[in-house]
Amino acid sequence: MTVLLRGVLICVSILLTFYLLRKIRHSKMKIEDSIFWVMFALLLVVFSLFPPLADFISRMVGTYSTANFIFTFMIFILLVKVFFQSVKISQLERRMTELIQMLALDREEDREKEEGHREAHSE
């Protein structure tokens, strides 16, 4: 692993950590959601501080260079994260649709009761 790549990994992980802490401090991000990104930054630090580990895994996996392994591995992790985010968004959309339908039914029921009440008073 080149010194430049190690420097980039360390800088990115430090910047990511500070950005996460800022988002958490301003209550723009939940702690549960930030754990993934802290672990991601920690993984970058581990690979940059212990390059033989990344080299070893790269040889085990069979990539041409350590940089290719790191980029491929990070892309894979981010794709998994996007997949789980998509599942979570789908569940939230389904729950929101159900909530909107229940709200519409309740409003219609209230409107019908109000009209029935007016008709009873007018007669």
PDB file of N, CA and C in Angstrom:
ATOM      1  N   MET A   1       0.861  -1.175   0.000  1.00  0.00           N
ATOM      2  CA  MET A   1       0.000   0.000   0.000  1.00  0.00           C
ATOM      3  C   MET A   1       0.904   1.234   0.000  1.00  0.00           C
ATOM      4  N   THR A   2       0.584   2.154  -0.867  1.00  0.00           N
ATOM      5  CA  THR A   2       1.423   3.350  -0.961  1.00  0.00           C
ATOM      6  C   THR A   2       1.186   4.285   0.216  1.00  0.00           C
ATOM      7  N   VAL A   3       2.155   5.140   0.443  1.00  0.00           N
ATOM      8  CA  VAL A   3       2.036   6.114   1.526  1.00  0.00           C
ATOM      9  C   VAL A   3       0.901   7.085   1.235  1.00  0.00           C
ATOM     10  N   LEU A   4       0.730   7.433  -0.041  1.00  0.00           N
ATOM     11  CA  LEU A   4      -0.349   8.340  -0.418  1.00  0.00           C
ATOM     12  C   LEU A   4      -1.713   7.753  -0.081  1.00  0.00           C
ATOM     13  N   LEU A   5      -1.916   6.487  -0.416  1.00  0.00           N
ATOM     14  CA  LEU A   5      -3.194   5.837  -0.103  1.00  0.00           C
ATOM     15  C   LEU A   5      -3.413   5.775   1.399  1.00  0.00           C
ATOM     16  N   ARG A   6      -2.353   5.472   2.144  1.00  0.00           N
ATOM     17  CA  ARG A   6      -2.483   5.444   3.607  1.00  0.00           C
ATOM     18  C   ARG A   6      -2.877   6.817   4.137  1.00  0.00           C
ATOM     19  N   GLY A   7      -2.236   7.851   3.605  1.00  0.00           N
ATOM     20  CA  GLY A   7      -2.585   9.209   4.033  1.00  0.00           C
ATOM     21  C   GLY A   7      -4.016   9.569   3.693  1.00  0.00           C
ATOM     22  N   VAL A   8      -4.461   9.172   2.504  1.00  0.00           N
ATOM     23  CA  VAL A   8      -5.848   9.455   2.093  1.00  0.00           C
ATOM     24  C   VAL A   8      -6.826   8.734   3.013  1.00  0.00           C
ATOM     25  N   LEU A   9      -6.550   7.483   3.321  1.00  0.00           N
ATOM     26  CA  LEU A   9      -7.455   6.718   4.199  1.00  0.00           C
ATOM     27  C   LEU A   9      -7.535   7.346   5.585  1.00  0.00           C
ATOM     28  N   ILE A  10      -6.394   7.749   6.124  1.00  0.00           N
ATOM     29  CA  ILE A  10      -6.399   8.365   7.456  1.00  0.00           C
ATOM     30  C   ILE A  10      -7.152   9.700   7.426  1.00  0.00           C
ATOM     31  N   CYS A  11      -6.890  10.518   6.412  1.00  0.00           N
ATOM     32  CA  CYS A  11      -7.571  11.817   6.318  1.00  0.00           C
ATOM     33  C   CYS A  11      -9.077  11.646   6.162  1.00  0.00           C
ATOM     34  N   VAL A  12      -9.481  10.720   5.293  1.00  0.00           N
ATOM     35  CA  VAL A  12     -10.915  10.492   5.078  1.00  0.00           C
ATOM     36  C   VAL A  12     -11.576  10.003   6.360  1.00  0.00           C
ATOM     37  N   SER A  13     -10.922   9.104   7.060  1.00  0.00           N
ATOM     38  CA  SER A  13     -11.533   8.582   8.285  1.00  0.00           C
ATOM     39  C   SER A  13     -11.621   9.656   9.371  1.00  0.00           C
ATOM     40  N   ILE A  14     -10.607  10.510   9.482  1.00  0.00           N
ATOM     41  CA  ILE A  14     -10.654  11.588  10.477  1.00  0.00           C
ATOM     42  C   ILE A  14     -11.753  12.596  10.116  1.00  0.00           C
ATOM     43  N   LEU A  15     -11.816  12.973   8.845  1.00  0.00           N
ATOM     44  CA  LEU A  15     -12.859  13.918   8.415  1.00  0.00           C
ATOM     45  C   LEU A  15     -14.252  13.328   8.617  1.00  0.00           C
ATOM     46  N   LEU A  16     -14.410  12.058   8.297  1.00  0.00           N
ATOM     47  CA  LEU A  16     -15.704  11.401   8.486  1.00  0.00           C
ATOM     48  C   LEU A  16     -16.108  11.379   9.950  1.00  0.00           C
ATOM     49  N   THR A  17     -15.148  11.085  10.811  1.00  0.00           N
ATOM     50  CA  THR A  17     -15.449  11.037  12.243  1.00  0.00           C
ATOM     51  C   THR A  17     -15.865  12.413  12.769  1.00  0.00           C
ATOM     52  N   PHE A  18     -15.131  13.452  12.387  1.00  0.00           N
ATOM     53  CA  PHE A  18     -15.505  14.800  12.830  1.00  0.00           C
ATOM     54  C   PHE A  18     -16.864  15.216  12.271  1.00  0.00           C
ATOM     55  N   TYR A  19     -17.137  14.874  11.023  1.00  0.00           N
ATOM     56  CA  TYR A  19     -18.434  15.203  10.422  1.00  0.00           C
ATOM     57  C   TYR A  19     -19.571  14.485  11.159  1.00  0.00           C
ATOM     58  N   LEU A  20     -19.345  13.222  11.509  1.00  0.00           N
ATOM     59  CA  LEU A  20     -20.361  12.465  12.252  1.00  0.00           C
ATOM     60  C   LEU A  20     -20.607  13.076  13.628  1.00  0.00           C
ATOM     61  N   LEU A  21     -19.525  13.410  14.304  1.00  0.00           N
ATOM     62  CA  LEU A  21     -19.683  14.006  15.637  1.00  0.00           C
ATOM     63  C   LEU A  21     -20.444  15.328  15.557  1.00  0.00           C
ATOM     64  N   ARG A  22     -20.189  16.087  14.531  1.00  0.00           N
ATOM     65  CA  ARG A  22     -20.910  17.359  14.346  1.00  0.00           C
ATOM     66  C   ARG A  22     -22.397  17.119  14.090  1.00  0.00           C
ATOM     67  N   LYS A  23     -22.707  16.114  13.252  1.00  0.00           N
ATOM     68  CA  LYS A  23     -24.112  15.801  12.961  1.00  0.00           C
ATOM     69  C   LYS A  23     -24.825  15.294  14.208  1.00  0.00           C
ATOM     70  N   ILE A  24     -24.136  14.481  14.992  1.00  0.00           N
ATOM     71  CA  ILE A  24     -24.746  13.966  16.223  1.00  0.00           C
ATOM     72  C   ILE A  24     -24.963  15.108  17.205  1.00  0.00           C
ATOM     73  N   ARG A  25     -23.993  15.989  17.336  1.00  0.00           N
ATOM     74  CA  ARG A  25     -24.087  17.112  18.267  1.00  0.00           C
ATOM     75  C   ARG A  25     -25.250  18.030  17.920  1.00  0.00           C
ATOM     76  N   HIS A  26     -25.509  18.218  16.638  1.00  0.00           N
ATOM     77  CA  HIS A  26     -26.612  19.088  16.214  1.00  0.00           C
ATOM     78  C   HIS A  26     -27.933  18.317  16.080  1.00  0.00           C
ATOM     79  N   SER A  27     -27.944  17.088  16.546  1.00  0.00           N
ATOM     80  CA  SER A  27     -29.133  16.231  16.524  1.00  0.00           C
ATOM     81  C   SER A  27     -29.680  16.033  15.120  1.00  0.00           C
ATOM     82  N   LYS A  28     -28.815  15.967  14.138  1.00  0.00           N
ATOM     83  CA  LYS A  28     -29.258  15.709  12.776  1.00  0.00           C
ATOM     84  C   LYS A  28     -29.088  14.247  12.389  1.00  0.00           C
ATOM     85  N   MET A  29     -28.513  13.473  13.299  1.00  0.00           N
ATOM     86  CA  MET A  29     -28.290  12.063  13.004  1.00  0.00           C
ATOM     87  C   MET A  29     -28.403  11.278  14.302  1.00  0.00           C
ATOM     88  N   LYS A  30     -29.072  10.130  14.214  1.00  0.00           N
ATOM     89  CA  LYS A  30     -29.207   9.303  15.392  1.00  0.00           C
ATOM     90  C   LYS A  30     -27.901   8.545  15.631  1.00  0.00           C
ATOM     91  N   ILE A  31     -27.649   8.257  16.894  1.00  0.00           N
ATOM     92  CA  ILE A  31     -26.420   7.557  17.252  1.00  0.00           C
ATOM     93  C   ILE A  31     -26.396   6.161  16.640  1.00  0.00           C
ATOM     94  N   GLU A  32     -27.570   5.509  16.599  1.00  0.00           N
ATOM     95  CA  GLU A  32     -27.630   4.160  16.038  1.00  0.00           C
ATOM     96  C   GLU A  32     -27.185   4.156  14.577  1.00  0.00           C
ATOM     97  N   ASP A  33     -27.591   5.188  13.843  1.00  0.00           N
ATOM     98  CA  ASP A  33     -27.225   5.259  12.427  1.00  0.00           C
ATOM     99  C   ASP A  33     -25.763   5.631  12.230  1.00  0.00           C
ATOM    100  N   SER A  34     -25.211   6.347  13.177  1.00  0.00           N
ATOM    101  CA  SER A  34     -23.825   6.781  13.015  1.00  0.00           C
ATOM    102  C   SER A  34     -22.820   5.693  13.368  1.00  0.00           C
ATOM    103  N   ILE A  35     -23.271   4.653  14.062  1.00  0.00           N
ATOM    104  CA  ILE A  35     -22.355   3.577  14.451  1.00  0.00           C
ATOM    105  C   ILE A  35     -21.733   2.933  13.212  1.00  0.00           C
ATOM    106  N   PHE A  36     -22.560   2.726  12.176  1.00  0.00           N
ATOM    107  CA  PHE A  36     -22.023   2.139  10.939  1.00  0.00           C
ATOM    108  C   PHE A  36     -20.894   2.988  10.390  1.00  0.00           C
ATOM    109  N   TRP A  37     -21.078   4.307  10.351  1.00  0.00           N
ATOM    110  CA  TRP A  37     -20.078   5.183   9.753  1.00  0.00           C
ATOM    111  C   TRP A  37     -18.828   5.285  10.623  1.00  0.00           C
ATOM    112  N   VAL A  38     -18.999   5.209  11.936  1.00  0.00           N
ATOM    113  CA  VAL A  38     -17.825   5.200  12.817  1.00  0.00           C
ATOM    114  C   VAL A  38     -17.023   3.920  12.594  1.00  0.00           C
ATOM    115  N   MET A  39     -17.725   2.811  12.457  1.00  0.00           N
ATOM    116  CA  MET A  39     -17.039   1.540  12.192  1.00  0.00           C
ATOM    117  C   MET A  39     -16.357   1.578  10.821  1.00  0.00           C
ATOM    118  N   PHE A  40     -16.997   2.217   9.868  1.00  0.00           N
ATOM    119  CA  PHE A  40     -16.414   2.358   8.535  1.00  0.00           C
ATOM    120  C   PHE A  40     -15.114   3.158   8.609  1.00  0.00           C
ATOM    121  N   ALA A  41     -15.146   4.255   9.347  1.00  0.00           N
ATOM    122  CA  ALA A  41     -13.947   5.081   9.504  1.00  0.00           C
ATOM    123  C   ALA A  41     -12.864   4.314  10.251  1.00  0.00           C
ATOM    124  N   LEU A  42     -13.263   3.568  11.258  1.00  0.00           N
ATOM    125  CA  LEU A  42     -12.305   2.756  12.007  1.00  0.00           C
ATOM    126  C   LEU A  42     -11.643   1.708  11.110  1.00  0.00           C
ATOM    127  N   LEU A  43     -12.431   1.126  10.224  1.00  0.00           N
ATOM    128  CA  LEU A  43     -11.884   0.145   9.282  1.00  0.00           C
ATOM    129  C   LEU A  43     -10.851   0.789   8.363  1.00  0.00           C
ATOM    130  N   LEU A  44     -11.130   2.004   7.922  1.00  0.00           N
ATOM    131  CA  LEU A  44     -10.156   2.724   7.094  1.00  0.00           C
ATOM    132  C   LEU A  44      -8.867   2.977   7.863  1.00  0.00           C
ATOM    133  N   VAL A  45      -9.004   3.327   9.121  1.00  0.00           N
ATOM    134  CA  VAL A  45      -7.817   3.575   9.948  1.00  0.00           C
ATOM    135  C   VAL A  45      -7.022   2.289  10.135  1.00  0.00           C
ATOM    136  N   VAL A  46      -7.722   1.188  10.379  1.00  0.00           N
ATOM    137  CA  VAL A  46      -7.035  -0.098  10.563  1.00  0.00           C
ATOM    138  C   VAL A  46      -6.260  -0.467   9.307  1.00  0.00           C
ATOM    139  N   PHE A  47      -6.881  -0.318   8.143  1.00  0.00           N
ATOM    140  CA  PHE A  47      -6.188  -0.650   6.896  1.00  0.00           C
ATOM    141  C   PHE A  47      -5.014   0.288   6.633  1.00  0.00           C
ATOM    142  N   SER A  48      -5.140   1.540   7.048  1.00  0.00           N
ATOM    143  CA  SER A  48      -4.040   2.466   6.788  1.00  0.00           C
ATOM    144  C   SER A  48      -2.904   2.317   7.803  1.00  0.00           C
ATOM    145  N   LEU A  49      -3.221   1.946   9.031  1.00  0.00           N
ATOM    146  CA  LEU A  49      -2.172   1.774  10.036  1.00  0.00           C
ATOM    147  C   LEU A  49      -1.502   0.402   9.967  1.00  0.00           C
ATOM    148  N   PHE A  50      -2.232  -0.583   9.500  1.00  0.00           N
ATOM    149  CA  PHE A  50      -1.688  -1.940   9.385  1.00  0.00           C
ATOM    150  C   PHE A  50      -1.806  -2.423   7.943  1.00  0.00           C
ATOM    151  N   PRO A  51      -0.987  -1.885   7.055  1.00  0.00           N
ATOM    152  CA  PRO A  51      -1.089  -2.258   5.643  1.00  0.00           C
ATOM    153  C   PRO A  51      -0.814  -3.745   5.370  1.00  0.00           C
ATOM    154  N   PRO A  52       0.024  -4.411   6.192  1.00  0.00           N
ATOM    155  CA  PRO A  52       0.194  -5.853   5.911  1.00  0.00           C
ATOM    156  C   PRO A  52      -1.116  -6.638   6.010  1.00  0.00           C
ATOM    157  N   LEU A  53      -2.038  -6.178   6.855  1.00  0.00           N
ATOM    158  CA  LEU A  53      -3.335  -6.852   6.963  1.00  0.00           C
ATOM    159  C   LEU A  53      -4.089  -6.743   5.635  1.00  0.00           C
ATOM    160  N   ALA A  54      -4.121  -5.539   5.071  1.00  0.00           N
ATOM    161  CA  ALA A  54      -4.797  -5.358   3.781  1.00  0.00           C
ATOM    162  C   ALA A  54      -4.078  -6.115   2.677  1.00  0.00           C
ATOM    163  N   ASP A  55      -2.738  -6.119   2.731  1.00  0.00           N
ATOM    164  CA  ASP A  55      -1.970  -6.881   1.732  1.00  0.00           C
ATOM    165  C   ASP A  55      -2.281  -8.380   1.819  1.00  0.00           C
ATOM    166  N   PHE A  56      -2.328  -8.872   3.039  1.00  0.00           N
ATOM    167  CA  PHE A  56      -2.616 -10.296   3.253  1.00  0.00           C
ATOM    168  C   PHE A  56      -4.001 -10.662   2.712  1.00  0.00           C
ATOM    169  N   ILE A  57      -4.988  -9.856   3.060  1.00  0.00           N
ATOM    170  CA  ILE A  57      -6.348 -10.143   2.585  1.00  0.00           C
ATOM    171  C   ILE A  57      -6.419 -10.008   1.066  1.00  0.00           C
ATOM    172  N   SER A  58      -5.713  -9.028   0.539  1.00  0.00           N
ATOM    173  CA  SER A  58      -5.687  -8.841  -0.916  1.00  0.00           C
ATOM    174  C   SER A  58      -5.124 -10.071  -1.624  1.00  0.00           C
ATOM    175  N   ARG A  59      -4.049 -10.622  -1.072  1.00  0.00           N
ATOM    176  CA  ARG A  59      -3.476 -11.839  -1.671  1.00  0.00           C
ATOM    177  C   ARG A  59      -4.419 -13.023  -1.518  1.00  0.00           C
ATOM    178  N   MET A  60      -5.122 -13.084  -0.363  1.00  0.00           N
ATOM    179  CA  MET A  60      -6.060 -14.189  -0.130  1.00  0.00           C
ATOM    180  C   MET A  60      -7.221 -14.128  -1.114  1.00  0.00           C
ATOM    181  N   VAL A  61      -7.693 -12.927  -1.369  1.00  0.00           N
ATOM    182  CA  VAL A  61      -8.842 -12.759  -2.253  1.00  0.00           C
ATOM    183  C   VAL A  61      -8.412 -12.889  -3.717  1.00  0.00           C
ATOM    184  N   GLY A  62      -7.187 -12.479  -3.985  1.00  0.00           N
ATOM    185  CA  GLY A  62      -6.672 -12.618  -5.339  1.00  0.00           C
ATOM    186  C   GLY A  62      -6.771 -11.363  -6.180  1.00  0.00           C
ATOM    187  N   THR A  63      -6.800 -10.211  -5.543  1.00  0.00           N
ATOM    188  CA  THR A  63      -6.828  -8.966  -6.306  1.00  0.00           C
ATOM    189  C   THR A  63      -5.406  -8.623  -6.752  1.00  0.00           C
ATOM    190  N   TYR A  64      -5.294  -7.803  -7.789  1.00  0.00           N
ATOM    191  CA  TYR A  64      -3.979  -7.458  -8.330  1.00  0.00           C
ATOM    192  C   TYR A  64      -3.183  -6.549  -7.407  1.00  0.00           C
ATOM    193  N   SER A  65      -3.878  -5.660  -6.726  1.00  0.00           N
ATOM    194  CA  SER A  65      -3.151  -4.780  -5.807  1.00  0.00           C
ATOM    195  C   SER A  65      -3.995  -4.547  -4.558  1.00  0.00           C
ATOM    196  N   THR A  66      -3.346  -4.065  -3.545  1.00  0.00           N
ATOM    197  CA  THR A  66      -4.046  -3.792  -2.283  1.00  0.00           C
ATOM    198  C   THR A  66      -5.058  -2.675  -2.444  1.00  0.00           C
ATOM    199  N   ALA A  67      -4.707  -1.672  -3.263  1.00  0.00           N
ATOM    200  CA  ALA A  67      -5.645  -0.568  -3.483  1.00  0.00           C
ATOM    201  C   ALA A  67      -6.931  -1.073  -4.128  1.00  0.00           C
ATOM    202  N   ASN A  68      -6.800  -1.984  -5.089  1.00  0.00           N
ATOM    203  CA  ASN A  68      -8.002  -2.555  -5.713  1.00  0.00           C
ATOM    204  C   ASN A  68      -8.850  -3.291  -4.684  1.00  0.00           C
ATOM    205  N   PHE A  69      -8.183  -4.040  -3.807  1.00  0.00           N
ATOM    206  CA  PHE A  69      -8.927  -4.747  -2.760  1.00  0.00           C
ATOM    207  C   PHE A  69      -9.670  -3.774  -1.859  1.00  0.00           C
ATOM    208  N   ILE A  70      -8.969  -2.732  -1.423  1.00  0.00           N
ATOM    209  CA  ILE A  70      -9.610  -1.782  -0.496  1.00  0.00           C
ATOM    210  C   ILE A  70     -10.800  -1.097  -1.163  1.00  0.00           C
ATOM    211  N   PHE A  71     -10.633  -0.640  -2.381  1.00  0.00           N
ATOM    212  CA  PHE A  71     -11.746   0.024  -3.059  1.00  0.00           C
ATOM    213  C   PHE A  71     -12.899  -0.947  -3.306  1.00  0.00           C
ATOM    214  N   THR A  72     -12.592  -2.153  -3.722  1.00  0.00           N
ATOM    215  CA  THR A  72     -13.648  -3.145  -3.952  1.00  0.00           C
ATOM    216  C   THR A  72     -14.362  -3.492  -2.660  1.00  0.00           C
ATOM    217  N   PHE A  73     -13.601  -3.668  -1.592  1.00  0.00           N
ATOM    218  CA  PHE A  73     -14.186  -4.009  -0.292  1.00  0.00           C
ATOM    219  C   PHE A  73     -15.093  -2.883   0.220  1.00  0.00           C
ATOM    220  N   MET A  74     -14.617  -1.649   0.084  1.00  0.00           N
ATOM    221  CA  MET A  74     -15.426  -0.514   0.544  1.00  0.00           C
ATOM    222  C   MET A  74     -16.690  -0.362  -0.301  1.00  0.00           C
ATOM    223  N   ILE A  75     -16.571  -0.556  -1.599  1.00  0.00           N
ATOM    224  CA  ILE A  75     -17.760  -0.501  -2.459  1.00  0.00           C
ATOM    225  C   ILE A  75     -18.755  -1.582  -2.053  1.00  0.00           C
ATOM    226  N   PHE A  76     -18.255  -2.780  -1.760  1.00  0.00           N
ATOM    227  CA  PHE A  76     -19.139  -3.865  -1.330  1.00  0.00           C
ATOM    228  C   PHE A  76     -19.855  -3.501  -0.027  1.00  0.00           C
ATOM    229  N   ILE A  77     -19.109  -2.968   0.925  1.00  0.00           N
ATOM    230  CA  ILE A  77     -19.730  -2.583   2.205  1.00  0.00           C
ATOM    231  C   ILE A  77     -20.788  -1.500   1.984  1.00  0.00           C
ATOM    232  N   LEU A  78     -20.482  -0.534   1.137  1.00  0.00           N
ATOM    233  CA  LEU A  78     -21.444   0.538   0.889  1.00  0.00           C
ATOM    234  C   LEU A  78     -22.672   0.034   0.135  1.00  0.00           C
ATOM    235  N   LEU A  79     -22.483  -0.938  -0.770  1.00  0.00           N
ATOM    236  CA  LEU A  79     -23.641  -1.518  -1.459  1.00  0.00           C
ATOM    237  C   LEU A  79     -24.548  -2.260  -0.473  1.00  0.00           C
ATOM    238  N   VAL A  80     -23.950  -2.968   0.468  1.00  0.00           N
ATOM    239  CA  VAL A  80     -24.750  -3.658   1.491  1.00  0.00           C
ATOM    240  C   VAL A  80     -25.521  -2.627   2.321  1.00  0.00           C
ATOM    241  N   LYS A  81     -24.845  -1.523   2.656  1.00  0.00           N
ATOM    242  CA  LYS A  81     -25.511  -0.464   3.431  1.00  0.00           C
ATOM    243  C   LYS A  81     -26.679   0.129   2.628  1.00  0.00           C
ATOM    244  N   VAL A  82     -26.478   0.363   1.350  1.00  0.00           N
ATOM    245  CA  VAL A  82     -27.545   0.910   0.497  1.00  0.00           C
ATOM    246  C   VAL A  82     -28.709  -0.070   0.412  1.00  0.00           C
ATOM    247  N   PHE A  83     -28.397  -1.372   0.318  1.00  0.00           N
ATOM    248  CA  PHE A  83     -29.464  -2.369   0.273  1.00  0.00           C
ATOM    249  C   PHE A  83     -30.321  -2.311   1.530  1.00  0.00           C
ATOM    250  N   PHE A  84     -29.674  -2.281   2.698  1.00  0.00           N
ATOM    251  CA  PHE A  84     -30.450  -2.255   3.944  1.00  0.00           C
ATOM    252  C   PHE A  84     -31.202  -0.925   4.106  1.00  0.00           C
ATOM    253  N   GLN A  85     -30.621   0.154   3.602  1.00  0.00           N
ATOM    254  CA  GLN A  85     -31.339   1.432   3.626  1.00  0.00           C
ATOM    255  C   GLN A  85     -32.579   1.366   2.732  1.00  0.00           C
ATOM    256  N   SER A  86     -32.471   0.698   1.585  1.00  0.00           N
ATOM    257  CA  SER A  86     -33.604   0.554   0.680  1.00  0.00           C
ATOM    258  C   SER A  86     -34.719  -0.257   1.335  1.00  0.00           C
ATOM    259  N   VAL A  87     -34.338  -1.306   2.035  1.00  0.00           N
ATOM    260  CA  VAL A  87     -35.339  -2.116   2.744  1.00  0.00           C
ATOM    261  C   VAL A  87     -36.034  -1.261   3.801  1.00  0.00           C
ATOM    262  N   LYS A  88     -35.248  -0.486   4.530  1.00  0.00           N
ATOM    263  CA  LYS A  88     -35.813   0.364   5.587  1.00  0.00           C
ATOM    264  C   LYS A  88     -36.734   1.436   4.988  1.00  0.00           C
ATOM    265  N   ILE A  89     -36.336   2.024   3.882  1.00  0.00           N
ATOM    266  CA  ILE A  89     -37.166   3.046   3.230  1.00  0.00           C
ATOM    267  C   ILE A  89     -38.468   2.430   2.727  1.00  0.00           C
ATOM    268  N   SER A  90     -38.399   1.223   2.177  1.00  0.00           N
ATOM    269  CA  SER A  90     -39.610   0.552   1.697  1.00  0.00           C
ATOM    270  C   SER A  90     -40.578   0.301   2.840  1.00  0.00           C
ATOM    271  N   GLN A  91     -40.038  -0.146   3.971  1.00  0.00           N
ATOM    272  CA  GLN A  91     -40.901  -0.392   5.135  1.00  0.00           C
ATOM    273  C   GLN A  91     -41.532   0.916   5.620  1.00  0.00           C
ATOM    274  N   LEU A  92     -40.761   1.981   5.645  1.00  0.00           N
ATOM    275  CA  LEU A  92     -41.299   3.269   6.095  1.00  0.00           C
ATOM    276  C   LEU A  92     -42.371   3.792   5.135  1.00  0.00           C
ATOM    277  N   GLU A  93     -42.155   3.609   3.826  1.00  0.00           N
ATOM    278  CA  GLU A  93     -43.162   4.039   2.842  1.00  0.00           C
ATOM    279  C   GLU A  93     -44.451   3.252   2.993  1.00  0.00           C
ATOM    280  N   ARG A  94     -44.330   1.942   3.225  1.00  0.00           N
ATOM    281  CA  ARG A  94     -45.525   1.113   3.427  1.00  0.00           C
ATOM    282  C   ARG A  94     -46.281   1.557   4.680  1.00  0.00           C
ATOM    283  N   ARG A  95     -45.532   1.811   5.772  1.00  0.00           N
ATOM    284  CA  ARG A  95     -46.181   2.251   7.012  1.00  0.00           C
ATOM    285  C   ARG A  95     -46.804   3.625   6.839  1.00  0.00           C
ATOM    286  N   MET A  96     -46.167   4.505   6.075  1.00  0.00           N
ATOM    287  CA  MET A  96     -46.727   5.828   5.846  1.00  0.00           C
ATOM    288  C   MET A  96     -48.001   5.734   5.013  1.00  0.00           C
ATOM    289  N   THR A  97     -48.031   4.858   4.018  1.00  0.00           N
ATOM    290  CA  THR A  97     -49.233   4.662   3.214  1.00  0.00           C
ATOM    291  C   THR A  97     -50.381   4.150   4.082  1.00  0.00           C
ATOM    292  N   GLU A  98     -50.094   3.193   4.946  1.00  0.00           N
ATOM    293  CA  GLU A  98     -51.126   2.676   5.857  1.00  0.00           C
ATOM    294  C   GLU A  98     -51.635   3.777   6.784  1.00  0.00           C
ATOM    295  N   LEU A  99     -50.723   4.590   7.279  1.00  0.00           N
ATOM    296  CA  LEU A  99     -51.111   5.678   8.181  1.00  0.00           C
ATOM    297  C   LEU A  99     -51.981   6.707   7.466  1.00  0.00           C
ATOM    298  N   ILE A 100     -51.637   7.038   6.242  1.00  0.00           N
ATOM    299  CA  ILE A 100     -52.427   7.997   5.463  1.00  0.00           C
ATOM    300  C   ILE A 100     -53.807   7.426   5.173  1.00  0.00           C
ATOM    301  N   GLN A 101     -53.885   6.141   4.841  1.00  0.00           N
ATOM    302  CA  GLN A 101     -55.189   5.514   4.586  1.00  0.00           C
ATOM    303  C   GLN A 101     -56.046   5.520   5.837  1.00  0.00           C
ATOM    304  N   MET A 102     -55.440   5.215   6.993  1.00  0.00           N
ATOM    305  CA  MET A 102     -56.212   5.222   8.247  1.00  0.00           C
ATOM    306  C   MET A 102     -56.691   6.630   8.576  1.00  0.00           C
ATOM    307  N   LEU A 103     -55.855   7.616   8.345  1.00  0.00           N
ATOM    308  CA  LEU A 103     -56.226   9.001   8.607  1.00  0.00           C
ATOM    309  C   LEU A 103     -57.364   9.435   7.692  1.00  0.00           C
ATOM    310  N   ALA A 104     -57.303   9.039   6.421  1.00  0.00           N
ATOM    311  CA  ALA A 104     -58.365   9.393   5.480  1.00  0.00           C
ATOM    312  C   ALA A 104     -59.682   8.729   5.874  1.00  0.00           C
ATOM    313  N   LEU A 105     -59.621   7.475   6.299  1.00  0.00           N
ATOM    314  CA  LEU A 105     -60.834   6.773   6.731  1.00  0.00           C
ATOM    315  C   LEU A 105     -61.426   7.427   7.986  1.00  0.00           C
ATOM    316  N   ASP A 106     -60.577   7.799   8.931  1.00  0.00           N
ATOM    317  CA  ASP A 106     -61.055   8.462  10.152  1.00  0.00           C
ATOM    318  C   ASP A 106     -61.710   9.803   9.830  1.00  0.00           C
ATOM    319  N   ARG A 107     -61.120  10.561   8.933  1.00  0.00           N
ATOM    320  CA  ARG A 107     -61.709  11.854   8.550  1.00  0.00           C
ATOM    321  C   ARG A 107     -63.045  11.657   7.852  1.00  0.00           C
ATOM    322  N   GLU A 108     -63.129  10.665   6.993  1.00  0.00           N
ATOM    323  CA  GLU A 108     -64.388  10.398   6.299  1.00  0.00           C
ATOM    324  C   GLU A 108     -65.453   9.971   7.305  1.00  0.00           C
ATOM    325  N   GLU A 109     -65.065   9.142   8.260  1.00  0.00           N
ATOM    326  CA  GLU A 109     -66.010   8.692   9.293  1.00  0.00           C
ATOM    327  C   GLU A 109     -66.485   9.881  10.136  1.00  0.00           C
ATOM    328  N   ASP A 110     -65.585  10.778  10.499  1.00  0.00           N
ATOM    329  CA  ASP A 110     -65.957  11.971  11.265  1.00  0.00           C
ATOM    330  C   ASP A 110     -66.891  12.876  10.455  1.00  0.00           C
ATOM    331  N   ARG A 111     -66.596  13.005   9.151  1.00  0.00           N
ATOM    332  CA  ARG A 111     -67.435  13.846   8.292  1.00  0.00           C
ATOM    333  C   ARG A 111     -68.849  13.271   8.190  1.00  0.00           C
ATOM    334  N   GLU A 112     -68.937  11.938   8.054  1.00  0.00           N
ATOM    335  CA  GLU A 112     -70.247  11.294   7.965  1.00  0.00           C
ATOM    336  C   GLU A 112     -71.030  11.465   9.266  1.00  0.00           C
ATOM    337  N   LYS A 113     -70.340  11.337  10.408  1.00  0.00           N
ATOM    338  CA  LYS A 113     -71.008  11.513  11.704  1.00  0.00           C
ATOM    339  C   LYS A 113     -71.516  12.936  11.858  1.00  0.00           C
ATOM    340  N   GLU A 114     -70.711  13.891  11.405  1.00  0.00           N
ATOM    341  CA  GLU A 114     -71.096  15.300  11.504  1.00  0.00           C
ATOM    342  C   GLU A 114     -72.302  15.601  10.622  1.00  0.00           C
ATOM    343  N   GLU A 115     -72.346  15.046   9.425  1.00  0.00           N
ATOM    344  CA  GLU A 115     -73.482  15.245   8.537  1.00  0.00           C
ATOM    345  C   GLU A 115     -74.733  14.592   9.103  1.00  0.00           C
ATOM    346  N   GLY A 116     -74.583  13.389   9.672  1.00  0.00           N
ATOM    347  CA  GLY A 116     -75.729  12.703  10.287  1.00  0.00           C
ATOM    348  C   GLY A 116     -76.259  13.487  11.475  1.00  0.00           C
ATOM    349  N   HIS A 117     -75.347  14.086  12.226  1.00  0.00           N
ATOM    350  CA  HIS A 117     -75.734  14.887  13.382  1.00  0.00           C
ATOM    351  C   HIS A 117     -76.487  16.144  12.935  1.00  0.00           C
ATOM    352  N   ARG A 118     -76.050  16.787  11.850  1.00  0.00           N
ATOM    353  CA  ARG A 118     -76.730  17.980  11.330  1.00  0.00           C
ATOM    354  C   ARG A 118     -78.123  17.639  10.816  1.00  0.00           C
ATOM    355  N   GLU A 119     -78.238  16.505  10.130  1.00  0.00           N
ATOM    356  CA  GLU A 119     -79.545  16.099   9.594  1.00  0.00           C
ATOM    357  C   GLU A 119     -80.519  15.803  10.727  1.00  0.00           C
ATOM    358  N   ALA A 120     -80.027  15.214  11.805  1.00  0.00           N
ATOM    359  CA  ALA A 120     -80.902  14.904  12.943  1.00  0.00           C
ATOM    360  C   ALA A 120     -81.402  16.179  13.597  1.00  0.00           C
ATOM    361  N   HIS A 121     -80.600  17.197  13.668  1.00  0.00           N
ATOM    362  CA  HIS A 121     -81.013  18.471  14.261  1.00  0.00           C
ATOM    363  C   HIS A 121     -81.917  19.263  13.344  1.00  0.00           C
ATOM    364  N   SER A 122     -81.778  19.115  12.032  1.00  0.00           N
ATOM    365  CA  SER A 122     -82.597  19.891  11.104  1.00  0.00           C
ATOM    366  C   SER A 122     -84.003  19.328  11.004  1.00  0.00           C
ATOM    367  N   GLU A 123     -84.190  18.053  11.338  1.00  0.00           N
ATOM    368  CA  GLU A 123     -85.532  17.448  11.227  1.00  0.00           C
ATOM    369  C   GLU A 123     -86.356  17.691  12.428  1.00  0.00           C
TER     370      GLU A 123
END
